Amino acid sequence: MDKLESYRKIIQQLLKEYAQFGSGDAAVEIQLLADTVRDHYQLMHIGWQNERRIYGCILHLDLKDGKIWLQHNGTEDDIPAELVKMGVPNTDIVVGFHSPFKRQFTEYAVS
């Protein structure tokens, strides 16, 4: 299996694991969105809680230039460390929500 296909499977597995946690509210749906053609992956909360609309991204990852870009992390977990445990090298993970200047001070890729 080539690297990109492996990363697609790893990302989808990670999102499925987080989707299993549920929202804690039956009226709030968790949606796993996987665009395997353009390589965009998201986990979303969608629904209603009392009279309040719930809509938001929990996790957003992209595959760009052979690397996994973490675009948003709405969890308290260290998602890059989870990816490393799943077999992705640090050099293939970009924490995209950090500025390019700040990325150089992490143990992950700059871009």
N, C-alpha and C. Protein backbone atom coordinates (compact mmCIF):
# COMPACT_ATOMS: atom_id res chain seq x y z
N MET A 1 0.85 -1.18 0.00
CA MET A 1 0.00 0.00 0.00
C MET A 1 0.90 1.24 0.00
N ASP A 2 0.58 2.20 -0.85
CA ASP A 2 1.41 3.40 -0.89
C ASP A 2 1.12 4.29 0.32
N LYS A 3 2.02 5.25 0.52
CA LYS A 3 1.96 6.11 1.71
C LYS A 3 0.65 6.88 1.80
N LEU A 4 0.20 7.49 0.71
CA LEU A 4 -1.03 8.29 0.77
C LEU A 4 -2.24 7.44 1.11
N GLU A 5 -2.33 6.27 0.53
CA GLU A 5 -3.46 5.38 0.84
C GLU A 5 -3.41 4.96 2.31
N SER A 6 -2.22 4.69 2.80
CA SER A 6 -2.05 4.35 4.21
C SER A 6 -2.50 5.51 5.10
N TYR A 7 -2.11 6.73 4.75
CA TYR A 7 -2.49 7.90 5.54
C TYR A 7 -4.00 8.13 5.49
N ARG A 8 -4.62 7.89 4.35
CA ARG A 8 -6.08 8.02 4.26
C ARG A 8 -6.76 7.08 5.25
N LYS A 9 -6.28 5.85 5.31
CA LYS A 9 -6.86 4.87 6.22
C LYS A 9 -6.62 5.25 7.68
N ILE A 10 -5.43 5.72 7.98
CA ILE A 10 -5.10 6.13 9.35
C ILE A 10 -5.99 7.28 9.80
N ILE A 11 -6.15 8.29 8.94
CA ILE A 11 -6.99 9.45 9.29
C ILE A 11 -8.42 9.00 9.52
N GLN A 12 -8.95 8.18 8.64
CA GLN A 12 -10.34 7.74 8.78
C GLN A 12 -10.51 6.87 10.03
N GLN A 13 -9.52 6.05 10.35
CA GLN A 13 -9.58 5.24 11.56
C GLN A 13 -9.59 6.13 12.80
N LEU A 14 -8.73 7.15 12.81
CA LEU A 14 -8.67 8.08 13.93
C LEU A 14 -10.02 8.78 14.12
N LEU A 15 -10.60 9.28 13.02
CA LEU A 15 -11.88 9.98 13.12
C LEU A 15 -12.99 9.04 13.57
N LYS A 16 -12.98 7.80 13.11
CA LYS A 16 -14.00 6.82 13.54
C LYS A 16 -13.90 6.57 15.04
N GLU A 17 -12.67 6.49 15.55
CA GLU A 17 -12.49 6.29 16.99
C GLU A 17 -13.07 7.47 17.78
N TYR A 18 -12.82 8.68 17.32
CA TYR A 18 -13.36 9.85 18.02
C TYR A 18 -14.86 9.96 17.84
N ALA A 19 -15.40 9.53 16.73
CA ALA A 19 -16.85 9.57 16.50
C ALA A 19 -17.57 8.64 17.47
N GLN A 20 -16.93 7.58 17.91
CA GLN A 20 -17.55 6.62 18.83
C GLN A 20 -17.80 7.22 20.20
N PHE A 21 -17.09 8.29 20.55
CA PHE A 21 -17.31 8.92 21.85
C PHE A 21 -18.71 9.51 21.93
N GLY A 22 -19.28 9.87 20.79
CA GLY A 22 -20.63 10.44 20.78
C GLY A 22 -20.65 11.86 21.29
N SER A 23 -21.79 12.48 21.18
CA SER A 23 -21.94 13.87 21.62
C SER A 23 -22.51 13.95 23.02
N GLY A 24 -23.04 12.85 23.52
CA GLY A 24 -23.69 12.88 24.82
C GLY A 24 -25.14 13.33 24.75
N ASP A 25 -25.61 13.65 23.56
CA ASP A 25 -26.97 14.14 23.36
C ASP A 25 -27.50 13.53 22.07
N ALA A 26 -28.61 12.81 22.17
CA ALA A 26 -29.17 12.13 21.00
C ALA A 26 -29.58 13.10 19.89
N ALA A 27 -29.84 14.36 20.25
CA ALA A 27 -30.28 15.34 19.25
C ALA A 27 -29.10 15.98 18.52
N VAL A 28 -27.88 15.64 18.94
CA VAL A 28 -26.68 16.17 18.28
C VAL A 28 -25.98 15.02 17.59
N GLU A 29 -25.94 15.12 16.28
CA GLU A 29 -25.35 14.08 15.43
C GLU A 29 -23.86 14.33 15.26
N ILE A 30 -23.10 13.24 15.20
CA ILE A 30 -21.69 13.34 14.85
C ILE A 30 -21.55 12.85 13.42
N GLN A 31 -21.00 13.70 12.57
CA GLN A 31 -20.79 13.34 11.17
C GLN A 31 -19.31 13.23 10.88
N LEU A 32 -18.94 12.14 10.23
CA LEU A 32 -17.58 11.96 9.75
C LEU A 32 -17.60 12.24 8.25
N LEU A 33 -16.88 13.26 7.83
CA LEU A 33 -16.83 13.65 6.42
C LEU A 33 -15.47 13.27 5.86
N ALA A 34 -15.46 12.49 4.79
CA ALA A 34 -14.21 12.03 4.20
C ALA A 34 -14.25 12.24 2.69
N ASP A 35 -13.53 13.22 2.22
CA ASP A 35 -13.37 13.47 0.79
C ASP A 35 -12.04 12.83 0.39
N THR A 36 -12.11 11.58 -0.05
CA THR A 36 -10.89 10.83 -0.37
C THR A 36 -10.32 11.19 -1.74
N VAL A 37 -11.04 12.01 -2.50
CA VAL A 37 -10.53 12.49 -3.80
C VAL A 37 -9.65 13.73 -3.58
N ARG A 38 -10.15 14.67 -2.79
CA ARG A 38 -9.41 15.91 -2.53
C ARG A 38 -8.66 15.86 -1.20
N ASP A 39 -8.83 14.78 -0.46
CA ASP A 39 -8.12 14.51 0.81
C ASP A 39 -8.40 15.54 1.90
N HIS A 40 -9.70 15.75 2.17
CA HIS A 40 -10.15 16.58 3.30
C HIS A 40 -10.98 15.68 4.21
N TYR A 41 -10.73 15.75 5.51
CA TYR A 41 -11.39 14.86 6.48
C TYR A 41 -11.80 15.68 7.70
N GLN A 42 -13.08 15.53 8.10
CA GLN A 42 -13.58 16.28 9.25
C GLN A 42 -14.51 15.42 10.10
N LEU A 43 -14.55 15.76 11.38
CA LEU A 43 -15.53 15.20 12.30
C LEU A 43 -16.31 16.40 12.84
N MET A 44 -17.65 16.35 12.70
CA MET A 44 -18.50 17.50 13.01
C MET A 44 -19.58 17.13 14.03
N HIS A 45 -19.99 18.13 14.83
CA HIS A 45 -21.21 18.07 15.64
C HIS A 45 -22.28 18.87 14.91
N ILE A 46 -23.47 18.27 14.74
CA ILE A 46 -24.57 18.97 14.07
C ILE A 46 -25.87 18.60 14.76
N GLY A 47 -26.68 19.60 15.12
CA GLY A 47 -27.98 19.32 15.72
C GLY A 47 -28.46 20.46 16.60
N TRP A 48 -29.30 20.08 17.56
CA TRP A 48 -29.90 21.07 18.46
C TRP A 48 -29.77 20.58 19.90
N GLN A 49 -29.52 21.53 20.78
CA GLN A 49 -29.49 21.25 22.20
C GLN A 49 -30.37 22.31 22.85
N ASN A 50 -31.53 21.85 23.36
CA ASN A 50 -32.58 22.77 23.82
C ASN A 50 -32.98 23.65 22.64
N GLU A 51 -32.87 24.94 22.75
CA GLU A 51 -33.22 25.85 21.65
C GLU A 51 -31.98 26.39 20.95
N ARG A 52 -30.85 25.75 21.17
CA ARG A 52 -29.59 26.26 20.63
C ARG A 52 -29.06 25.35 19.52
N ARG A 53 -28.70 25.95 18.41
CA ARG A 53 -28.14 25.23 17.27
C ARG A 53 -26.70 24.84 17.58
N ILE A 54 -26.40 23.57 17.35
CA ILE A 54 -25.04 23.05 17.54
C ILE A 54 -24.48 22.73 16.16
N TYR A 55 -23.38 23.37 15.82
CA TYR A 55 -22.72 23.11 14.55
C TYR A 55 -21.26 23.48 14.72
N GLY A 56 -20.40 22.49 14.60
CA GLY A 56 -19.00 22.80 14.75
C GLY A 56 -18.09 21.65 14.40
N CYS A 57 -16.90 22.03 14.06
CA CYS A 57 -15.88 21.06 13.69
C CYS A 57 -15.14 20.60 14.94
N ILE A 58 -15.03 19.29 15.09
CA ILE A 58 -14.27 18.70 16.19
C ILE A 58 -12.82 18.50 15.74
N LEU A 59 -12.66 17.86 14.59
CA LEU A 59 -11.33 17.61 14.02
C LEU A 59 -11.36 17.86 12.52
N HIS A 60 -10.28 18.43 12.00
CA HIS A 60 -10.15 18.64 10.56
C HIS A 60 -8.71 18.31 10.19
N LEU A 61 -8.56 17.34 9.30
CA LEU A 61 -7.25 16.95 8.79
C LEU A 61 -7.29 16.94 7.27
N ASP A 62 -6.18 17.31 6.66
CA ASP A 62 -6.03 17.27 5.21
C ASP A 62 -4.76 16.51 4.87
N LEU A 63 -4.72 15.96 3.68
CA LEU A 63 -3.48 15.41 3.12
C LEU A 63 -3.01 16.39 2.05
N LYS A 64 -1.81 16.95 2.24
CA LYS A 64 -1.26 17.89 1.28
C LYS A 64 0.22 17.59 1.10
N ASP A 65 0.63 17.45 -0.14
CA ASP A 65 2.04 17.22 -0.46
C ASP A 65 2.63 16.04 0.31
N GLY A 66 1.84 14.99 0.47
CA GLY A 66 2.32 13.77 1.12
C GLY A 66 2.39 13.84 2.63
N LYS A 67 1.82 14.89 3.23
CA LYS A 67 1.85 15.05 4.68
C LYS A 67 0.43 15.21 5.22
N ILE A 68 0.26 14.83 6.48
CA ILE A 68 -1.01 15.03 7.17
C ILE A 68 -0.97 16.38 7.85
N TRP A 69 -1.92 17.24 7.48
CA TRP A 69 -2.05 18.57 8.06
C TRP A 69 -3.20 18.55 9.05
N LEU A 70 -2.92 18.81 10.31
CA LEU A 70 -3.96 18.97 11.32
C LEU A 70 -4.39 20.44 11.27
N GLN A 71 -5.57 20.68 10.69
CA GLN A 71 -6.06 22.04 10.50
C GLN A 71 -6.83 22.57 11.72
N HIS A 72 -7.47 21.67 12.46
CA HIS A 72 -8.23 22.07 13.64
C HIS A 72 -8.30 20.89 14.60
N ASN A 73 -8.10 21.18 15.87
CA ASN A 73 -8.23 20.18 16.92
C ASN A 73 -9.12 20.74 18.01
N GLY A 74 -10.38 20.31 18.02
CA GLY A 74 -11.33 20.75 19.03
C GLY A 74 -11.41 19.79 20.20
N THR A 75 -10.43 18.90 20.33
CA THR A 75 -10.39 17.98 21.46
C THR A 75 -9.31 18.44 22.44
N GLU A 76 -9.23 17.78 23.56
CA GLU A 76 -8.17 18.06 24.52
C GLU A 76 -6.98 17.13 24.30
N ASP A 77 -7.06 16.28 23.29
CA ASP A 77 -6.04 15.27 23.06
C ASP A 77 -4.93 15.77 22.13
N ASP A 78 -3.78 15.14 22.25
CA ASP A 78 -2.63 15.46 21.41
C ASP A 78 -2.74 14.62 20.14
N ILE A 79 -3.44 15.14 19.15
CA ILE A 79 -3.71 14.40 17.91
C ILE A 79 -2.42 14.06 17.17
N PRO A 80 -1.44 14.97 17.05
CA PRO A 80 -0.20 14.56 16.39
C PRO A 80 0.46 13.36 17.07
N ALA A 81 0.44 13.31 18.38
CA ALA A 81 1.01 12.16 19.09
C ALA A 81 0.22 10.88 18.80
N GLU A 82 -1.11 11.02 18.66
CA GLU A 82 -1.94 9.86 18.29
C GLU A 82 -1.54 9.36 16.90
N LEU A 83 -1.30 10.29 15.97
CA LEU A 83 -0.90 9.89 14.62
C LEU A 83 0.45 9.18 14.63
N VAL A 84 1.37 9.65 15.46
CA VAL A 84 2.68 8.99 15.58
C VAL A 84 2.50 7.56 16.10
N LYS A 85 1.64 7.39 17.10
CA LYS A 85 1.35 6.04 17.62
C LYS A 85 0.77 5.13 16.55
N MET A 86 0.08 5.73 15.59
CA MET A 86 -0.54 4.95 14.52
C MET A 86 0.44 4.69 13.36
N GLY A 87 1.67 5.16 13.49
CA GLY A 87 2.70 4.85 12.50
C GLY A 87 3.10 5.98 11.58
N VAL A 88 2.61 7.19 11.80
CA VAL A 88 2.99 8.32 10.95
C VAL A 88 4.23 8.98 11.55
N PRO A 89 5.29 9.14 10.75
CA PRO A 89 6.48 9.81 11.30
C PRO A 89 6.23 11.30 11.56
N ASN A 90 6.92 11.85 12.56
CA ASN A 90 6.79 13.27 12.90
C ASN A 90 6.99 14.17 11.69
N THR A 91 7.88 13.77 10.80
CA THR A 91 8.23 14.59 9.64
C THR A 91 7.10 14.66 8.61
N ASP A 92 6.07 13.84 8.78
CA ASP A 92 4.92 13.85 7.87
C ASP A 92 3.66 14.42 8.51
N ILE A 93 3.83 15.11 9.64
CA ILE A 93 2.69 15.73 10.34
C ILE A 93 2.95 17.23 10.44
N VAL A 94 1.99 18.02 9.99
CA VAL A 94 2.08 19.48 10.09
C VAL A 94 0.92 19.96 10.96
N VAL A 95 1.24 20.71 12.00
CA VAL A 95 0.20 21.30 12.84
C VAL A 95 -0.18 22.63 12.18
N GLY A 96 -1.15 22.54 11.28
CA GLY A 96 -1.50 23.66 10.42
C GLY A 96 -2.13 24.85 11.12
N PHE A 97 -2.66 24.65 12.33
CA PHE A 97 -3.27 25.79 13.02
C PHE A 97 -2.22 26.61 13.78
N HIS A 98 -0.96 26.15 13.77
CA HIS A 98 0.13 26.97 14.29
C HIS A 98 0.69 27.79 13.12
N SER A 99 1.13 28.99 13.39
CA SER A 99 1.72 29.82 12.33
C SER A 99 2.98 29.14 11.81
N PRO A 100 3.34 29.40 10.55
CA PRO A 100 4.57 28.80 10.01
C PRO A 100 5.79 29.12 10.88
N PHE A 101 5.84 30.31 11.46
CA PHE A 101 6.96 30.66 12.34
C PHE A 101 7.01 29.76 13.56
N LYS A 102 5.86 29.50 14.16
CA LYS A 102 5.80 28.71 15.39
C LYS A 102 6.09 27.23 15.13
N ARG A 103 5.75 26.74 13.94
CA ARG A 103 5.93 25.31 13.63
C ARG A 103 7.39 24.86 13.75
N GLN A 104 8.32 25.76 13.48
CA GLN A 104 9.73 25.37 13.55
C GLN A 104 10.16 24.97 14.95
N PHE A 105 9.39 25.36 15.95
CA PHE A 105 9.75 25.05 17.33
C PHE A 105 9.06 23.78 17.85
N THR A 106 8.30 23.13 16.99
CA THR A 106 7.64 21.87 17.38
C THR A 106 8.48 20.69 16.89
N GLU A 107 8.09 19.52 17.30
CA GLU A 107 8.80 18.31 16.84
C GLU A 107 8.22 17.77 15.54
N TYR A 108 7.34 18.56 14.92
CA TYR A 108 6.67 18.13 13.69
C TYR A 108 7.13 18.96 12.50
N ALA A 109 6.63 18.62 11.32
CA ALA A 109 7.05 19.29 10.09
C ALA A 109 6.59 20.74 10.06
N VAL A 110 7.32 21.57 9.33
CA VAL A 110 6.98 22.98 9.18
C VAL A 110 5.94 23.15 8.08
N SER A 111 6.08 22.39 7.00
CA SER A 111 5.10 22.42 5.91
C SER A 111 5.33 21.22 5.00
